[in-house]
Amino acid sequence: MNTQVNRDQFLAGRKKGIGGSDVAAILGFSPYKSPYQLWLDKTGRGERKESQNESAHFGNLLEDVVAKEFSRRSGMKVQRVTQQLSLAEFGETWAIGNIDRAVVNPEIAGRVFFKDGKLTTDQGLECKTASEYLSKLFGEEGTDQIPDYYLTQCLWYMKLTGFQVWHLAVLIGGNKFRMYRIERDDDLIESIFKQVKAFWFNHVIADVPPDPTCFDDVLHRWSNHVVGKQVEADFEHIKLAEELITVQGRQKADKAREDEIKLKIVSTMQDAEMMISQGKSICTYKEQSSTRIDSTLLKKEQPDLFAKYSKTSSTRVFRISNKFKETV
């Protein structure tokens, strides 16, 4: 079996709809991907990654180990489900998912199979691996106290399958095994579904990018400024700029608030190089070029080679105007 071809087909198929691992990004819970970055992927604008990172690679390798250990500890049988699930029968062909395992419920059937378009069980299993530093995000074993980006994935699969329970088994740090249980919550599931559906139709199908939620989003969407372009600051942005000066001047840094303020301002500026008020500069967001090379010694001893192989790159840098600082 050509596993690389199968994985490529799997990844290509995910662009045709929203899968379980996409939900957290849409809702703003994912630590790995923003709504804008997901939109880039779904619309074919994202950068193609030739290989998985090591964390994802070993997560896939250990999935079967985690599933078997869950079965051993819980006493419940599990089965693979190779078919991609969807809500096509309800006209929602974009709502898709590939679950890790189905859990056999002997009161329904001795094994899991499709009958009248439904799986013959009411429980599923999600298998995870996590690093030790993430252990604090997991609560007491047997509860549903798991990271939101895992919880939303399980709830999405409940929407697709109609299952009443979803189990999550996780191997933490390579030597701690925990099991969690998520009960069906129809109100929460429907709330998630509405938000995901809105993202699919209002952004992916409509080809309209969602608002940036981090600086990486802004830098990608407006990577260059238009020379001479200015935007007029309103009262809110002036107050934000004043607060930013205060935050930056504190002895104890508040990086989260600083980034939040900057994001609000640059999202308004977009490709403008300056924000002004009554003709005076409040802040700038311009490109700044830099030349980088691995060894400074090369420049000293081989200046010709340095000039030949050095690379100049540009990125936009946000700054509060010094004159505006003087007025605060």
Protein backbone atom coordinates (compact mmCIF):
# COMPACT_ATOMS: atom_id res chain seq x y z
CA MET A 1 0.00 0.00 0.00
CA ASN A 2 1.38 3.42 -0.97
CA THR A 3 0.77 5.32 2.26
CA GLN A 4 2.13 8.61 0.88
CA VAL A 5 -0.34 8.54 -2.02
CA ASN A 6 -3.16 7.71 0.39
CA ARG A 7 -2.16 10.59 2.67
CA ASP A 8 -1.96 13.00 -0.28
CA GLN A 9 -5.45 11.91 -1.34
CA PHE A 10 -6.67 12.36 2.22
CA LEU A 11 -5.24 15.89 2.46
CA ALA A 12 -6.65 16.82 -0.96
CA GLY A 13 -10.06 15.54 0.09
CA ARG A 14 -10.08 17.78 3.15
CA LYS A 15 -10.04 20.86 0.93
CA LYS A 16 -13.49 19.86 -0.32
CA GLY A 17 -15.06 20.47 3.05
CA ILE A 18 -14.61 21.08 6.76
CA GLY A 19 -13.22 18.22 8.82
CA GLY A 20 -12.94 17.65 12.54
CA SER A 21 -9.44 19.07 12.87
CA ASP A 22 -10.54 22.28 11.11
CA VAL A 23 -13.27 23.18 13.59
CA ALA A 24 -11.02 24.52 16.35
CA ALA A 25 -9.30 26.87 13.88
CA ILE A 26 -12.65 28.29 12.75
CA LEU A 27 -13.75 28.88 16.33
CA GLY A 28 -10.44 30.47 17.32
CA PHE A 29 -9.39 27.65 19.65
CA SER A 30 -6.52 26.21 17.64
CA PRO A 31 -2.98 27.03 18.81
CA TYR A 32 -1.68 25.95 15.41
CA LYS A 33 -3.82 27.70 12.82
CA SER A 34 -5.96 30.85 12.61
CA PRO A 35 -9.27 31.16 10.72
CA TYR A 36 -7.45 33.14 8.03
CA GLN A 37 -4.74 30.50 7.65
CA LEU A 38 -7.40 27.81 7.35
CA TRP A 39 -9.15 29.89 4.69
CA LEU A 40 -5.89 30.03 2.74
CA ASP A 41 -5.69 26.24 2.85
CA LYS A 42 -9.30 25.66 1.88
CA THR A 43 -9.12 28.06 -1.06
CA GLY A 44 -5.87 26.61 -2.37
CA ARG A 45 -3.77 29.63 -1.40
CA GLY A 46 -1.84 28.02 1.43
CA GLU A 47 1.75 26.93 1.07
CA ARG A 48 2.03 23.22 0.35
CA LYS A 49 3.96 21.37 3.03
CA GLU A 50 5.88 18.45 1.60
CA SER A 51 6.10 16.54 4.86
CA GLN A 52 4.55 16.31 8.30
CA ASN A 53 6.28 17.73 11.32
CA GLU A 54 7.67 15.18 13.77
CA SER A 55 4.84 15.65 16.25
CA ALA A 56 2.18 14.83 13.65
CA HIS A 57 4.29 12.00 12.23
CA PHE A 58 4.63 10.20 15.55
CA GLY A 59 1.03 10.96 16.40
CA ASN A 60 -0.03 9.00 13.34
CA LEU A 61 2.40 6.17 14.10
CA LEU A 62 1.15 5.84 17.67
CA GLU A 63 -2.56 6.05 16.87
CA ASP A 64 -2.90 2.28 16.77
CA VAL A 65 -0.94 1.92 20.02
CA VAL A 66 -3.23 4.40 21.78
CA ALA A 67 -6.35 2.67 20.41
CA LYS A 68 -5.17 -0.76 21.59
CA GLU A 69 -4.28 0.55 25.04
CA PHE A 70 -7.70 2.20 25.33
CA SER A 71 -9.34 -1.12 24.46
CA ARG A 72 -7.18 -2.98 27.00
CA ARG A 73 -7.87 -0.56 29.84
CA SER A 74 -11.54 0.07 29.16
CA GLY A 75 -12.50 -3.46 28.14
CA MET A 76 -14.30 -2.05 25.09
CA LYS A 77 -13.63 -3.24 21.57
CA VAL A 78 -12.76 -0.68 18.92
CA GLN A 79 -12.88 -0.79 15.12
CA ARG A 80 -11.37 1.26 12.34
CA VAL A 81 -13.74 3.19 10.10
CA THR A 82 -11.98 3.84 6.79
CA GLN A 83 -14.86 5.57 5.04
CA GLN A 84 -15.01 9.35 5.22
CA LEU A 85 -18.20 10.47 6.95
CA SER A 86 -20.36 13.39 5.86
CA LEU A 87 -23.80 14.95 6.14
CA ALA A 88 -24.45 14.49 2.42
CA GLU A 89 -27.83 12.90 3.09
CA PHE A 90 -28.91 16.23 4.60
CA GLY A 91 -27.48 18.24 1.70
CA GLU A 92 -24.40 19.31 3.67
CA THR A 93 -21.74 17.62 1.52
CA TRP A 94 -19.06 19.98 2.85
CA ALA A 95 -19.42 18.67 6.44
CA ILE A 96 -16.95 15.79 6.54
CA GLY A 97 -14.80 13.83 8.94
CA ASN A 98 -12.48 10.86 9.31
CA ILE A 99 -12.82 9.33 12.77
CA ASP A 100 -10.03 7.37 14.42
CA ARG A 101 -12.13 4.49 15.76
CA ALA A 102 -15.68 3.42 16.46
CA VAL A 103 -16.33 1.78 19.83
CA VAL A 104 -18.40 -1.40 19.74
CA ASN A 105 -21.61 -1.28 21.78
CA PRO A 106 -22.70 -4.93 22.16
CA GLU A 107 -26.23 -3.82 23.05
CA ILE A 108 -26.54 -2.51 19.47
CA ALA A 109 -24.33 -4.91 17.48
CA GLY A 110 -21.35 -7.19 17.99
CA ARG A 111 -19.33 -5.29 15.42
CA VAL A 112 -19.51 -1.92 13.70
CA PHE A 113 -20.75 -1.65 10.13
CA PHE A 114 -22.90 0.65 8.03
CA LYS A 115 -26.61 -0.12 8.12
CA ASP A 116 -29.08 2.19 6.40
CA GLY A 117 -26.31 4.78 6.12
CA LYS A 118 -25.51 4.73 9.85
CA LEU A 119 -22.83 3.02 11.90
CA THR A 120 -24.14 0.30 14.21
CA THR A 121 -22.89 1.85 17.44
CA ASP A 122 -23.32 5.05 19.44
CA GLN A 123 -19.75 5.69 20.59
CA GLY A 124 -16.49 6.83 19.00
CA LEU A 125 -12.84 7.20 19.97
CA GLU A 126 -10.30 9.91 19.24
CA CYS A 127 -6.63 8.95 19.76
CA LYS A 128 -4.09 11.63 20.66
CA THR A 129 -0.47 12.07 21.68
CA ALA A 130 0.63 15.17 23.56
CA SER A 131 3.88 16.55 24.94
CA GLU A 132 4.45 16.72 28.67
CA TYR A 133 4.09 20.51 28.86
CA LEU A 134 0.49 20.18 27.62
CA SER A 135 -0.49 17.87 30.49
CA LYS A 136 -1.84 20.80 32.52
CA LEU A 137 -4.54 21.32 29.87
CA PHE A 138 -6.10 17.97 30.74
CA GLY A 139 -8.34 17.62 33.77
CA GLU A 140 -9.32 14.64 35.87
CA GLU A 141 -9.40 11.37 33.97
CA GLY A 142 -12.88 10.15 33.08
CA THR A 143 -14.26 13.69 32.70
CA ASP A 144 -14.64 15.85 29.60
CA GLN A 145 -11.94 18.27 30.77
CA ILE A 146 -9.79 18.28 27.65
CA PRO A 147 -8.39 21.14 25.54
CA ASP A 148 -11.07 23.00 23.58
CA TYR A 149 -9.39 22.18 20.28
CA TYR A 150 -9.86 18.47 21.03
CA LEU A 151 -13.35 18.88 22.46
CA THR A 152 -14.68 20.68 19.38
CA GLN A 153 -13.26 17.94 17.16
CA CYS A 154 -15.11 15.26 19.13
CA LEU A 155 -18.36 17.25 19.11
CA TRP A 156 -18.05 17.67 15.33
CA TYR A 157 -17.80 13.92 14.91
CA MET A 158 -20.89 13.54 17.07
CA LYS A 159 -22.72 15.79 14.64
CA LEU A 160 -21.66 13.61 11.71
CA THR A 161 -22.43 10.27 13.35
CA GLY A 162 -25.27 10.97 15.75
CA PHE A 163 -23.24 9.20 18.46
CA GLN A 164 -24.09 9.80 22.12
CA VAL A 165 -20.58 9.44 23.56
CA TRP A 166 -17.07 10.18 22.33
CA HIS A 167 -14.03 8.86 24.14
CA LEU A 168 -10.63 10.51 23.94
CA ALA A 169 -7.48 8.57 24.80
CA VAL A 170 -4.21 10.46 25.04
CA LEU A 171 -0.60 9.44 25.58
CA ILE A 172 1.13 12.34 27.33
CA GLY A 173 4.88 12.69 27.29
CA GLY A 174 5.26 9.14 26.04
CA ASN A 175 4.51 7.56 29.44
CA LYS A 176 1.21 8.87 30.83
CA PHE A 177 -2.01 7.39 29.45
CA ARG A 178 -5.36 9.02 30.18
CA MET A 179 -8.92 8.42 29.04
CA TYR A 180 -11.74 10.98 28.84
CA ARG A 181 -15.44 10.79 28.05
CA ILE A 182 -17.52 13.43 26.26
CA GLU A 183 -21.31 13.22 26.48
CA ARG A 184 -23.47 14.52 23.67
CA ASP A 185 -24.62 18.14 24.07
CA ASP A 186 -27.02 18.97 21.25
CA ASP A 187 -27.17 22.71 21.96
CA LEU A 188 -23.39 23.04 21.88
CA ILE A 189 -23.11 20.84 18.80
CA GLU A 190 -25.64 22.93 16.89
CA SER A 191 -23.95 26.17 17.95
CA ILE A 192 -20.63 24.88 16.63
CA PHE A 193 -22.24 23.64 13.42
CA LYS A 194 -23.82 27.03 12.68
CA GLN A 195 -20.48 28.83 13.10
CA VAL A 196 -18.64 26.31 10.94
CA LYS A 197 -21.32 26.46 8.25
CA ALA A 198 -21.11 30.26 8.21
CA PHE A 199 -17.34 30.06 7.74
CA TRP A 200 -17.69 27.62 4.85
CA PHE A 201 -20.28 29.63 2.92
CA ASN A 202 -19.38 33.20 3.93
CA HIS A 203 -15.64 32.80 3.49
CA VAL A 204 -14.60 29.66 1.60
CA ILE A 205 -17.41 29.48 -0.96
CA ALA A 206 -17.75 33.28 -1.18
CA ASP A 207 -13.94 33.57 -1.41
CA VAL A 208 -13.89 36.32 1.22
CA PRO A 209 -11.05 36.15 3.78
CA PRO A 210 -11.99 36.25 7.47
CA ASP A 211 -10.61 39.04 9.62
CA PRO A 212 -7.01 38.61 10.79
CA THR A 213 -6.61 37.33 14.32
CA CYS A 214 -2.81 37.49 14.60
CA PHE A 215 0.13 39.38 13.13
CA ASP A 216 1.02 36.51 10.81
CA ASP A 217 -2.40 36.94 9.20
CA VAL A 218 -1.82 40.66 8.67
CA LEU A 219 1.68 40.17 7.28
CA HIS A 220 0.43 37.61 4.79
CA ARG A 221 -2.65 39.52 3.70
CA TRP A 222 -0.97 42.94 3.48
CA SER A 223 2.71 42.07 3.13
CA ASN A 224 3.53 45.36 1.37
CA HIS A 225 2.50 48.93 2.04
CA VAL A 226 1.44 51.48 -0.54
CA VAL A 227 3.93 54.35 -0.46
CA GLY A 228 2.24 57.56 0.65
CA LYS A 229 -1.06 55.91 1.58
CA GLN A 230 -2.55 57.21 4.81
CA VAL A 231 -5.62 56.42 6.88
CA GLU A 232 -7.31 58.80 9.28
CA ALA A 233 -7.39 57.68 12.90
CA ASP A 234 -10.70 57.80 14.70
CA PHE A 235 -11.14 58.38 18.44
CA GLU A 236 -10.86 54.65 19.23
CA HIS A 237 -7.55 54.25 17.42
CA ILE A 238 -6.06 57.34 19.08
CA LYS A 239 -6.99 55.89 22.47
CA LEU A 240 -5.51 52.53 21.46
CA ALA A 241 -2.25 54.19 20.42
CA GLU A 242 -2.13 56.06 23.73
CA GLU A 243 -2.74 52.82 25.63
CA LEU A 244 -0.03 51.09 23.62
CA ILE A 245 2.52 53.69 24.71
CA THR A 246 1.47 53.11 28.33
CA VAL A 247 1.65 49.32 28.00
CA GLN A 248 5.07 49.45 26.35
CA GLY A 249 6.35 51.73 29.09
CA ARG A 250 5.40 49.43 31.95
CA GLN A 251 8.18 47.75 33.88
CA LYS A 252 6.33 44.43 33.65
CA ALA A 253 5.52 43.76 30.02
CA ASP A 254 2.00 42.82 28.95
CA LYS A 255 2.83 41.23 25.61
CA ALA A 256 -0.66 39.83 25.08
CA ARG A 257 -2.33 43.23 25.42
CA GLU A 258 0.39 44.91 23.35
CA ASP A 259 -0.17 42.46 20.50
CA GLU A 260 -3.94 42.84 20.80
CA ILE A 261 -3.72 46.62 20.43
CA LYS A 262 -1.28 46.42 17.52
CA LEU A 263 -3.51 43.94 15.72
CA LYS A 264 -6.53 46.25 15.99
CA ILE A 265 -4.57 49.18 14.59
CA VAL A 266 -2.78 47.41 11.72
CA SER A 267 -5.98 45.59 10.71
CA THR A 268 -7.45 49.04 10.09
CA MET A 269 -4.33 50.33 8.34
CA GLN A 270 -4.14 47.31 6.00
CA ASP A 271 -1.76 48.39 3.19
CA ALA A 272 -1.44 52.02 4.33
CA GLU A 273 1.98 53.10 5.55
CA MET A 274 0.74 55.68 8.05
CA MET A 275 -2.18 56.45 10.35
CA ILE A 276 -2.70 60.16 10.94
CA SER A 277 -4.88 62.50 12.97
CA GLN A 278 -5.38 66.10 11.90
CA GLY A 279 -2.42 65.81 9.57
CA LYS A 280 -0.05 64.46 12.21
CA SER A 281 1.41 60.95 12.23
CA ILE A 282 0.09 58.58 14.88
CA CYS A 283 1.93 55.45 13.76
CA THR A 284 3.58 53.85 10.75
CA TYR A 285 3.53 50.35 9.31
CA LYS A 286 6.28 50.25 6.71
CA GLU A 287 8.58 47.73 5.14
CA GLN A 288 12.00 47.34 6.68
CA SER A 289 14.76 45.57 4.78
CA SER A 290 17.45 43.45 6.37
CA THR A 291 20.40 41.47 5.11
CA ARG A 292 21.16 38.24 6.93
CA ILE A 293 23.95 35.70 6.61
CA ASP A 294 25.02 32.79 8.78
CA SER A 295 28.54 34.04 9.56
CA THR A 296 29.72 37.60 10.09
CA LEU A 297 33.25 36.36 9.51
CA LEU A 298 32.46 35.77 5.84
CA LYS A 299 31.83 39.46 5.28
CA LYS A 300 35.13 40.38 6.91
CA GLU A 301 37.33 37.85 5.13
CA GLN A 302 35.46 37.29 1.86
CA PRO A 303 33.52 40.46 1.03
CA ASP A 304 32.99 39.39 -2.60
CA LEU A 305 31.40 36.11 -1.54
CA PHE A 306 29.30 37.96 1.03
CA ALA A 307 27.93 40.29 -1.64
CA LYS A 308 27.24 37.33 -3.93
CA TYR A 309 25.42 35.10 -1.45
CA SER A 310 23.81 37.53 0.99
CA LYS A 311 20.08 37.97 0.80
CA THR A 312 18.07 41.08 1.52
CA SER A 313 14.57 40.55 2.84
CA SER A 314 11.79 42.96 3.75
CA THR A 315 9.04 42.87 6.31
CA ARG A 316 6.61 45.47 7.59
CA VAL A 317 7.39 46.99 10.99
CA PHE A 318 4.84 48.80 13.17
CA ARG A 319 5.96 51.90 15.09
CA ILE A 320 4.25 54.62 17.11
CA SER A 321 5.32 58.08 15.93
CA ASN A 322 7.79 59.80 18.27
CA LYS A 323 5.93 63.09 17.88
CA PHE A 324 2.69 61.41 18.95
CA LYS A 325 4.46 59.94 21.99
CA GLU A 326 5.43 63.45 23.05
CA THR A 327 1.77 64.48 23.17
CA VAL A 328 0.70 61.62 25.43
